[in-house]
PDB file of N, CA and C in Angstrom:
ATOM      1  N   MET A   1     -56.451 244.500  78.150  1.00  0.00           N
ATOM      2  CA  MET A   1     -55.517 243.508  77.639  1.00  0.00           C
ATOM      3  C   MET A   1     -55.840 242.121  78.190  1.00  0.00           C
ATOM      4  N   GLN A   2     -56.401 242.044  79.413  1.00  0.00           N
ATOM      5  CA  GLN A   2     -56.676 240.739  80.006  1.00  0.00           C
ATOM      6  C   GLN A   2     -57.706 239.956  79.190  1.00  0.00           C
ATOM      7  N   GLY A   3     -58.740 240.628  78.690  1.00  0.00           N
ATOM      8  CA  GLY A   3     -59.726 239.945  77.854  1.00  0.00           C
ATOM      9  C   GLY A   3     -59.106 239.410  76.583  1.00  0.00           C
ATOM     10  N   PHE A   4     -58.205 240.185  75.992  1.00  0.00           N
ATOM     11  CA  PHE A   4     -57.487 239.734  74.807  1.00  0.00           C
ATOM     12  C   PHE A   4     -56.647 238.505  75.120  1.00  0.00           C
ATOM     13  N   LEU A   5     -55.881 238.552  76.216  1.00  0.00           N
ATOM     14  CA  LEU A   5     -55.010 237.426  76.571  1.00  0.00           C
ATOM     15  C   LEU A   5     -55.814 236.161  76.836  1.00  0.00           C
ATOM     16  N   SER A   6     -56.939 236.277  77.503  1.00  0.00           N
ATOM     17  CA  SER A   6     -57.790 235.110  77.765  1.00  0.00           C
ATOM     18  C   SER A   6     -58.299 234.509  76.461  1.00  0.00           C
ATOM     19  N   ALA A   7     -58.741 235.361  75.550  1.00  0.00           N
ATOM     20  CA  ALA A   7     -59.236 234.890  74.254  1.00  0.00           C
ATOM     21  C   ALA A   7     -58.104 234.273  73.438  1.00  0.00           C
ATOM     22  N   PHE A   8     -56.937 234.894  73.452  1.00  0.00           N
ATOM     23  CA  PHE A   8     -55.787 234.371  72.707  1.00  0.00           C
ATOM     24  C   PHE A   8     -55.364 233.011  73.257  1.00  0.00           C
ATOM     25  N   ASP A   9     -55.287 232.899  74.568  1.00  0.00           N
ATOM     26  CA  ASP A   9     -54.861 231.639  75.186  1.00  0.00           C
ATOM     27  C   ASP A   9     -55.843 230.507  74.934  1.00  0.00           C
ATOM     28  N   ALA A  10     -57.109 230.823  74.696  1.00  0.00           N
ATOM     29  CA  ALA A  10     -58.121 229.801  74.433  1.00  0.00           C
ATOM     30  C   ALA A  10     -58.029 229.242  73.015  1.00  0.00           C
ATOM     31  N   LEU A  11     -57.319 229.931  72.122  1.00  0.00           N
ATOM     32  CA  LEU A  11     -57.172 229.448  70.746  1.00  0.00           C
ATOM     33  C   LEU A  11     -56.227 228.255  70.717  1.00  0.00           C
ATOM     34  N   PRO A  12     -56.544 227.243  69.896  1.00  0.00           N
ATOM     35  CA  PRO A  12     -55.667 226.067  69.821  1.00  0.00           C
ATOM     36  C   PRO A  12     -54.384 226.359  69.054  1.00  0.00           C
ATOM     37  N   LEU A  13     -53.337 225.632  69.379  1.00  0.00           N
ATOM     38  CA  LEU A  13     -52.106 225.695  68.591  1.00  0.00           C
ATOM     39  C   LEU A  13     -52.333 224.957  67.279  1.00  0.00           C
ATOM     40  N   GLY A  14     -51.656 225.381  66.242  1.00  0.00           N
ATOM     41  CA  GLY A  14     -51.770 224.743  64.938  1.00  0.00           C
ATOM     42  C   GLY A  14     -52.778 225.451  64.056  1.00  0.00           C
ATOM     43  N   SER A  15     -53.214 224.750  63.022  1.00  0.00           N
ATOM     44  CA  SER A  15     -54.162 225.303  62.050  1.00  0.00           C
ATOM     45  C   SER A  15     -55.588 225.042  62.486  1.00  0.00           C
ATOM     46  N   PHE A  16     -56.444 226.022  62.268  1.00  0.00           N
ATOM     47  CA  PHE A  16     -57.864 225.875  62.559  1.00  0.00           C
ATOM     48  C   PHE A  16     -58.626 226.920  61.770  1.00  0.00           C
ATOM     49  N   THR A  17     -59.926 226.760  61.692  1.00  0.00           N
ATOM     50  CA  THR A  17     -60.763 227.778  61.076  1.00  0.00           C
ATOM     51  C   THR A  17     -61.665 228.379  62.145  1.00  0.00           C
ATOM     52  N   GLY A  18     -62.123 229.584  61.854  1.00  0.00           N
ATOM     53  CA  GLY A  18     -63.003 230.258  62.789  1.00  0.00           C
ATOM     54  C   GLY A  18     -63.738 231.398  62.117  1.00  0.00           C
ATOM     55  N   ILE A  19     -64.685 231.952  62.854  1.00  0.00           N
ATOM     56  CA  ILE A  19     -65.503 233.047  62.350  1.00  0.00           C
ATOM     57  C   ILE A  19     -65.350 234.251  63.269  1.00  0.00           C
ATOM     58  N   ALA A  20     -65.138 235.406  62.666  1.00  0.00           N
ATOM     59  CA  ALA A  20     -65.064 236.676  63.401  1.00  0.00           C
ATOM     60  C   ALA A  20     -65.843 237.715  62.607  1.00  0.00           C
ATOM     61  N   ASP A  21     -66.768 238.357  63.266  1.00  0.00           N
ATOM     62  CA  ASP A  21     -67.575 239.406  62.641  1.00  0.00           C
ATOM     63  C   ASP A  21     -68.218 238.952  61.332  1.00  0.00           C
ATOM     64  N   GLY A  22     -68.711 237.704  61.332  1.00  0.00           N
ATOM     65  CA  GLY A  22     -69.429 237.183  60.177  1.00  0.00           C
ATOM     66  C   GLY A  22     -68.573 236.706  59.028  1.00  0.00           C
ATOM     67  N   ARG A  23     -67.251 236.746  59.179  1.00  0.00           N
ATOM     68  CA  ARG A  23     -66.337 236.300  58.121  1.00  0.00           C
ATOM     69  C   ARG A  23     -65.562 235.078  58.594  1.00  0.00           C
ATOM     70  N   ARG A  24     -65.291 234.142  57.687  1.00  0.00           N
ATOM     71  CA  ARG A  24     -64.591 232.906  58.035  1.00  0.00           C
ATOM     72  C   ARG A  24     -63.109 233.041  57.688  1.00  0.00           C
ATOM     73  N   TYR A  25     -62.281 232.525  58.589  1.00  0.00           N
ATOM     74  CA  TYR A  25     -60.824 232.630  58.452  1.00  0.00           C
ATOM     75  C   TYR A  25     -60.169 231.275  58.634  1.00  0.00           C
ATOM     76  N   VAL A  26     -59.045 231.083  57.970  1.00  0.00           N
ATOM     77  CA  VAL A  26     -58.155 229.985  58.284  1.00  0.00           C
ATOM     78  C   VAL A  26     -57.009 230.605  59.079  1.00  0.00           C
ATOM     79  N   CYS A  27     -56.680 229.983  60.206  1.00  0.00           N
ATOM     80  CA  CYS A  27     -55.735 230.565  61.160  1.00  0.00           C
ATOM     81  C   CYS A  27     -54.638 229.569  61.506  1.00  0.00           C
ATOM     82  N   VAL A  28     -53.490 230.100  61.876  1.00  0.00           N
ATOM     83  CA  VAL A  28     -52.387 229.285  62.398  1.00  0.00           C
ATOM     84  C   VAL A  28     -51.826 229.999  63.616  1.00  0.00           C
ATOM     85  N   LYS A  29     -51.834 229.286  64.741  1.00  0.00           N
ATOM     86  CA  LYS A  29     -51.234 229.808  65.971  1.00  0.00           C
ATOM     87  C   LYS A  29     -50.005 228.959  66.268  1.00  0.00           C
ATOM     88  N   SER A  30     -48.868 229.625  66.435  1.00  0.00           N
ATOM     89  CA  SER A  30     -47.596 228.947  66.688  1.00  0.00           C
ATOM     90  C   SER A  30     -46.994 229.443  67.983  1.00  0.00           C
ATOM     91  N   GLY A  31     -46.258 228.567  68.644  1.00  0.00           N
ATOM     92  CA  GLY A  31     -45.550 228.938  69.863  1.00  0.00           C
ATOM     93  C   GLY A  31     -44.062 228.704  69.698  1.00  0.00           C
ATOM     94  N   PHE A  32     -43.265 229.578  70.301  1.00  0.00           N
ATOM     95  CA  PHE A  32     -41.815 229.505  70.214  1.00  0.00           C
ATOM     96  C   PHE A  32     -41.229 229.768  71.591  1.00  0.00           C
ATOM     97  N   ALA A  33     -40.004 229.361  71.786  1.00  0.00           N
ATOM     98  CA  ALA A  33     -39.264 229.643  73.025  1.00  0.00           C
ATOM     99  C   ALA A  33     -40.050 229.219  74.265  1.00  0.00           C
ATOM    100  N   GLY A  34     -40.577 227.993  74.207  1.00  0.00           N
ATOM    101  CA  GLY A  34     -41.296 227.468  75.356  1.00  0.00           C
ATOM    102  C   GLY A  34     -42.581 228.212  75.675  1.00  0.00           C
ATOM    103  N   GLY A  35     -43.171 228.858  74.678  1.00  0.00           N
ATOM    104  CA  GLY A  35     -44.421 229.586  74.877  1.00  0.00           C
ATOM    105  C   GLY A  35     -44.251 231.054  75.218  1.00  0.00           C
ATOM    106  N   SER A  36     -43.020 231.510  75.378  1.00  0.00           N
ATOM    107  CA  SER A  36     -42.821 232.923  75.706  1.00  0.00           C
ATOM    108  C   SER A  36     -42.982 233.830  74.487  1.00  0.00           C
ATOM    109  N   SER A  37     -43.020 233.244  73.309  1.00  0.00           N
ATOM    110  CA  SER A  37     -43.273 233.973  72.074  1.00  0.00           C
ATOM    111  C   SER A  37     -44.314 233.192  71.285  1.00  0.00           C
ATOM    112  N   GLN A  38     -45.340 233.889  70.818  1.00  0.00           N
ATOM    113  CA  GLN A  38     -46.401 233.240  70.057  1.00  0.00           C
ATOM    114  C   GLN A  38     -46.763 234.096  68.857  1.00  0.00           C
ATOM    115  N   LYS A  39     -47.272 233.431  67.816  1.00  0.00           N
ATOM    116  CA  LYS A  39     -47.645 234.125  66.591  1.00  0.00           C
ATOM    117  C   LYS A  39     -49.022 233.631  66.157  1.00  0.00           C
ATOM    118  N   LEU A  40     -49.826 234.544  65.649  1.00  0.00           N
ATOM    119  CA  LEU A  40     -51.115 234.191  65.067  1.00  0.00           C
ATOM    120  C   LEU A  40     -51.221 234.860  63.704  1.00  0.00           C
ATOM    121  N   VAL A  41     -51.558 234.051  62.701  1.00  0.00           N
ATOM    122  CA  VAL A  41     -51.796 234.548  61.346  1.00  0.00           C
ATOM    123  C   VAL A  41     -53.165 234.034  60.921  1.00  0.00           C
ATOM    124  N   ALA A  42     -53.974 234.898  60.332  1.00  0.00           N
ATOM    125  CA  ALA A  42     -55.308 234.510  59.868  1.00  0.00           C
ATOM    126  C   ALA A  42     -55.585 235.145  58.516  1.00  0.00           C
ATOM    127  N   GLU A  43     -56.142 234.350  57.601  1.00  0.00           N
ATOM    128  CA  GLU A  43     -56.528 234.841  56.285  1.00  0.00           C
ATOM    129  C   GLU A  43     -58.008 234.594  56.089  1.00  0.00           C
ATOM    130  N   GLU A  44     -58.715 235.617  55.648  1.00  0.00           N
ATOM    131  CA  GLU A  44     -60.136 235.475  55.379  1.00  0.00           C
ATOM    132  C   GLU A  44     -60.339 234.557  54.181  1.00  0.00           C
ATOM    133  N   LEU A  45     -61.205 233.565  54.338  1.00  0.00           N
ATOM    134  CA  LEU A  45     -61.532 232.665  53.238  1.00  0.00           C
ATOM    135  C   LEU A  45     -62.522 233.359  52.312  1.00  0.00           C
ATOM    136  N   GLY A  46     -62.168 233.465  51.039  1.00  0.00           N
ATOM    137  CA  GLY A  46     -63.026 234.119  50.068  1.00  0.00           C
ATOM    138  C   GLY A  46     -63.017 235.635  50.166  1.00  0.00           C
ATOM    139  N   GLY A  47     -62.050 236.182  50.885  1.00  0.00           N
ATOM    140  CA  GLY A  47     -61.965 237.635  51.046  1.00  0.00           C
ATOM    141  C   GLY A  47     -60.526 238.087  51.066  1.00  0.00           C
ATOM    142  N   THR A  48     -60.326 239.332  51.469  1.00  0.00           N
ATOM    143  CA  THR A  48     -58.977 239.904  51.428  1.00  0.00           C
ATOM    144  C   THR A  48     -58.411 240.246  52.800  1.00  0.00           C
ATOM    145  N   ASP A  49     -59.182 240.036  53.871  1.00  0.00           N
ATOM    146  CA  ASP A  49     -58.692 240.432  55.189  1.00  0.00           C
ATOM    147  C   ASP A  49     -57.560 239.516  55.640  1.00  0.00           C
ATOM    148  N   TYR A  50     -56.626 240.093  56.358  1.00  0.00           N
ATOM    149  CA  TYR A  50     -55.442 239.377  56.829  1.00  0.00           C
ATOM    150  C   TYR A  50     -55.085 239.911  58.215  1.00  0.00           C
ATOM    151  N   ILE A  51     -54.787 239.008  59.127  1.00  0.00           N
ATOM    152  CA  ILE A  51     -54.404 239.357  60.496  1.00  0.00           C
ATOM    153  C   ILE A  51     -53.065 238.698  60.785  1.00  0.00           C
ATOM    154  N   SER A  52     -52.154 239.433  61.401  1.00  0.00           N
ATOM    155  CA  SER A  52     -50.873 238.858  61.797  1.00  0.00           C
ATOM    156  C   SER A  52     -50.378 239.576  63.048  1.00  0.00           C
ATOM    157  N   LEU A  53     -49.998 238.783  64.038  1.00  0.00           N
ATOM    158  CA  LEU A  53     -49.500 239.377  65.281  1.00  0.00           C
ATOM    159  C   LEU A  53     -48.489 238.465  65.949  1.00  0.00           C
ATOM    160  N   ASN A  54     -47.638 239.085  66.741  1.00  0.00           N
ATOM    161  CA  ASN A  54     -46.710 238.383  67.624  1.00  0.00           C
ATOM    162  C   ASN A  54     -47.038 238.806  69.044  1.00  0.00           C
ATOM    163  N   LEU A  55     -46.948 237.850  69.962  1.00  0.00           N
ATOM    164  CA  LEU A  55     -47.208 238.113  71.367  1.00  0.00           C
ATOM    165  C   LEU A  55     -46.014 237.591  72.162  1.00  0.00           C
ATOM    166  N   TYR A  56     -45.432 238.469  72.942  1.00  0.00           N
ATOM    167  CA  TYR A  56     -44.262 238.113  73.743  1.00  0.00           C
ATOM    168  C   TYR A  56     -44.644 238.167  75.217  1.00  0.00           C
ATOM    169  N   ARG A  57     -44.346 237.108  75.943  1.00  0.00           N
ATOM    170  CA  ARG A  57     -44.618 237.048  77.383  1.00  0.00           C
ATOM    171  C   ARG A  57     -43.304 237.315  78.105  1.00  0.00           C
ATOM    172  N   THR A  58     -43.194 238.466  78.738  1.00  0.00           N
ATOM    173  CA  THR A  58     -41.974 238.840  79.436  1.00  0.00           C
ATOM    174  C   THR A  58     -42.248 238.909  80.938  1.00  0.00           C
ATOM    175  N   LYS A  59     -41.209 239.036  81.701  1.00  0.00           N
ATOM    176  CA  LYS A  59     -41.377 239.188  83.144  1.00  0.00           C
ATOM    177  C   LYS A  59     -42.157 240.457  83.483  1.00  0.00           C
ATOM    178  N   ALA A  60     -42.043 241.452  82.631  1.00  0.00           N
ATOM    179  CA  ALA A  60     -42.750 242.715  82.848  1.00  0.00           C
ATOM    180  C   ALA A  60     -44.204 242.659  82.378  1.00  0.00           C
ATOM    181  N   GLY A  61     -44.585 241.604  81.657  1.00  0.00           N
ATOM    182  CA  GLY A  61     -45.950 241.471  81.162  1.00  0.00           C
ATOM    183  C   GLY A  61     -45.976 241.106  79.694  1.00  0.00           C
ATOM    184  N   ALA A  62     -47.171 241.047  79.138  1.00  0.00           N
ATOM    185  CA  ALA A  62     -47.344 240.670  77.737  1.00  0.00           C
ATOM    186  C   ALA A  62     -47.115 241.872  76.831  1.00  0.00           C
ATOM    187  N   LEU A  63     -46.412 241.625  75.732  1.00  0.00           N
ATOM    188  CA  LEU A  63     -46.171 242.660  74.716  1.00  0.00           C
ATOM    189  C   LEU A  63     -46.812 242.194  73.410  1.00  0.00           C
ATOM    190  N   LEU A  64     -47.791 242.933  72.941  1.00  0.00           N
ATOM    191  CA  LEU A  64     -48.472 242.627  71.694  1.00  0.00           C
ATOM    192  C   LEU A  64     -47.835 243.440  70.580  1.00  0.00           C
ATOM    193  N   ARG A  65     -47.456 242.750  69.506  1.00  0.00           N
ATOM    194  CA  ARG A  65     -46.832 243.403  68.361  1.00  0.00           C
ATOM    195  C   ARG A  65     -47.559 242.988  67.083  1.00  0.00           C
ATOM    196  N   PRO A  66     -48.562 243.769  66.685  1.00  0.00           N
ATOM    197  CA  PRO A  66     -49.234 243.489  65.409  1.00  0.00           C
ATOM    198  C   PRO A  66     -48.259 243.701  64.251  1.00  0.00           C
ATOM    199  N   CYS A  67     -48.489 243.004  63.163  1.00  0.00           N
ATOM    200  CA  CYS A  67     -47.631 243.126  61.990  1.00  0.00           C
ATOM    201  C   CYS A  67     -48.291 244.047  60.967  1.00  0.00           C
ATOM    202  N   GLU A  68     -47.849 245.285  60.918  1.00  0.00           N
ATOM    203  CA  GLU A  68     -48.278 246.277  59.939  1.00  0.00           C
ATOM    204  C   GLU A  68     -49.785 246.517  59.926  1.00  0.00           C
ATOM    205  N   MET A  69     -50.386 246.540  61.120  1.00  0.00           N
ATOM    206  CA  MET A  69     -51.805 246.867  61.248  1.00  0.00           C
ATOM    207  C   MET A  69     -52.046 247.417  62.643  1.00  0.00           C
ATOM    208  N   PRO A  70     -53.136 248.114  62.854  1.00  0.00           N
ATOM    209  CA  PRO A  70     -53.405 248.693  64.164  1.00  0.00           C
ATOM    210  C   PRO A  70     -53.617 247.629  65.245  1.00  0.00           C
ATOM    211  N   GLU A  71     -53.138 247.927  66.433  1.00  0.00           N
ATOM    212  CA  GLU A  71     -53.315 247.028  67.576  1.00  0.00           C
ATOM    213  C   GLU A  71     -54.797 246.768  67.834  1.00  0.00           C
ATOM    214  N   ALA A  72     -55.623 247.793  67.696  1.00  0.00           N
ATOM    215  CA  ALA A  72     -57.064 247.638  67.934  1.00  0.00           C
ATOM    216  C   ALA A  72     -57.674 246.588  67.003  1.00  0.00           C
ATOM    217  N   LYS A  73     -57.181 246.495  65.770  1.00  0.00           N
ATOM    218  CA  LYS A  73     -57.716 245.515  64.816  1.00  0.00           C
ATOM    219  C   LYS A  73     -57.433 244.095  65.279  1.00  0.00           C
ATOM    220  N   VAL A  74     -56.209 243.808  65.718  1.00  0.00           N
ATOM    221  CA  VAL A  74     -55.885 242.437  66.126  1.00  0.00           C
ATOM    222  C   VAL A  74     -56.560 242.081  67.455  1.00  0.00           C
ATOM    223  N   ILE A  75     -56.683 243.046  68.354  1.00  0.00           N
ATOM    224  CA  ILE A  75     -57.371 242.793  69.623  1.00  0.00           C
ATOM    225  C   ILE A  75     -58.835 242.450  69.359  1.00  0.00           C
ATOM    226  N   ALA A  76     -59.503 243.237  68.533  1.00  0.00           N
ATOM    227  CA  ALA A  76     -60.910 242.975  68.215  1.00  0.00           C
ATOM    228  C   ALA A  76     -61.068 241.627  67.525  1.00  0.00           C
ATOM    229  N   PHE A  77     -60.168 241.319  66.597  1.00  0.00           N
ATOM    230  CA  PHE A  77     -60.252 240.040  65.888  1.00  0.00           C
ATOM    231  C   PHE A  77     -60.168 238.870  66.856  1.00  0.00           C
ATOM    232  N   VAL A  78     -59.162 238.853  67.703  1.00  0.00           N
ATOM    233  CA  VAL A  78     -58.972 237.738  68.640  1.00  0.00           C
ATOM    234  C   VAL A  78     -60.158 237.635  69.600  1.00  0.00           C
ATOM    235  N   ARG A  79     -60.643 238.743  70.076  1.00  0.00           N
ATOM    236  CA  ARG A  79     -61.774 238.717  71.024  1.00  0.00           C
ATOM    237  C   ARG A  79     -63.061 238.220  70.375  1.00  0.00           C
ATOM    238  N   HIS A  80     -63.230 238.439  69.066  1.00  0.00           N
ATOM    239  CA  HIS A  80     -64.446 238.027  68.369  1.00  0.00           C
ATOM    240  C   HIS A  80     -64.331 236.660  67.698  1.00  0.00           C
ATOM    241  N   LEU A  81     -63.129 236.131  67.565  1.00  0.00           N
ATOM    242  CA  LEU A  81     -62.917 234.879  66.837  1.00  0.00           C
ATOM    243  C   LEU A  81     -63.523 233.688  67.585  1.00  0.00           C
ATOM    244  N   VAL A  82     -64.356 232.922  66.863  1.00  0.00           N
ATOM    245  CA  VAL A  82     -64.950 231.698  67.397  1.00  0.00           C
ATOM    246  C   VAL A  82     -64.432 230.547  66.552  1.00  0.00           C
ATOM    247  N   VAL A  83     -63.711 229.630  67.164  1.00  0.00           N
ATOM    248  CA  VAL A  83     -63.135 228.481  66.462  1.00  0.00           C
ATOM    249  C   VAL A  83     -64.258 227.544  66.042  1.00  0.00           C
ATOM    250  N   ASP A  84     -64.257 227.141  64.762  1.00  0.00           N
ATOM    251  CA  ASP A  84     -65.265 226.185  64.309  1.00  0.00           C
ATOM    252  C   ASP A  84     -64.675 224.871  63.810  1.00  0.00           C
ATOM    253  N   ALA A  85     -63.371 224.806  63.639  1.00  0.00           N
ATOM    254  CA  ALA A  85     -62.716 223.556  63.251  1.00  0.00           C
ATOM    255  C   ALA A  85     -61.301 223.565  63.808  1.00  0.00           C
ATOM    256  N   ALA A  86     -61.112 222.837  64.896  1.00  0.00           N
ATOM    257  CA  ALA A  86     -59.813 222.776  65.566  1.00  0.00           C
ATOM    258  C   ALA A  86     -58.912 221.752  64.888  1.00  0.00           C
ATOM    259  N   PRO A  87     -57.604 221.786  65.169  1.00  0.00           N
ATOM    260  CA  PRO A  87     -56.645 220.920  64.480  1.00  0.00           C
ATOM    261  C   PRO A  87     -56.951 219.432  64.566  1.00  0.00           C
ATOM    262  N   ASN A  88     -57.423 218.942  65.681  1.00  0.00           N
ATOM    263  CA  ASN A  88     -57.611 217.514  65.857  1.00  0.00           C
ATOM    264  C   ASN A  88     -59.081 217.116  65.963  1.00  0.00           C
ATOM    265  N   ASP A  89     -59.943 217.778  65.181  1.00  0.00           N
ATOM    266  CA  ASP A  89     -61.367 217.489  65.308  1.00  0.00           C
ATOM    267  C   ASP A  89     -61.838 216.409  64.336  1.00  0.00           C
ATOM    268  N   GLY A  90     -60.894 215.786  63.608  1.00  0.00           N
ATOM    269  CA  GLY A  90     -61.242 214.690  62.717  1.00  0.00           C
ATOM    270  C   GLY A  90     -61.636 215.113  61.314  1.00  0.00           C
ATOM    271  N   ARG A  91     -61.666 216.392  61.034  1.00  0.00           N
ATOM    272  CA  ARG A  91     -62.068 216.846  59.706  1.00  0.00           C
ATOM    273  C   ARG A  91     -60.919 216.750  58.698  1.00  0.00           C
ATOM    274  N   GLY A  92     -59.694 216.816  59.166  1.00  0.00           N
ATOM    275  CA  GLY A  92     -58.544 216.748  58.273  1.00  0.00           C
ATOM    276  C   GLY A  92     -58.249 218.067  57.604  1.00  0.00           C
ATOM    277  N   ALA A  93     -57.043 218.196  57.090  1.00  0.00           N
ATOM    278  CA  ALA A  93     -56.589 219.468  56.521  1.00  0.00           C
ATOM    279  C   ALA A  93     -57.359 219.854  55.273  1.00  0.00           C
ATOM    280  N   GLY A  94     -57.890 218.901  54.550  1.00  0.00           N
ATOM    281  CA  GLY A  94     -58.575 219.215  53.289  1.00  0.00           C
ATOM    282  C   GLY A  94     -59.950 219.824  53.450  1.00  0.00           C
ATOM    283  N   SER A  95     -60.472 219.921  54.660  1.00  0.00           N
ATOM    284  CA  SER A  95     -61.836 220.406  54.829  1.00  0.00           C
ATOM    285  C   SER A  95     -61.922 221.925  54.882  1.00  0.00           C
ATOM    286  N   TYR A  96     -60.816 222.614  54.896  1.00  0.00           N
ATOM    287  CA  TYR A  96     -60.841 224.067  54.996  1.00  0.00           C
ATOM    288  C   TYR A  96     -61.097 224.648  53.643  1.00  0.00           C
TER     289      TYR A  96
END
């Protein structure tokens, strides 16, 4: 789980694009409740793959809650995702 958390925390907040396992995705990472709740949604560009997860940071530790998909799928996606266009990189929203 620590590798997943490190990879997740390295992702920027807001909209960005990235590549995972040779496929390009448009992603949105959101934070709620002062960062104790976070959400990541990703849609494959030109394909049908979809990723959605919620991550809750509690006193007892992190709780990963994928949305209607296996936990292994979202963990692998986040660990393999390489950001190629961050929110404030000057490309603008229309470049995705």
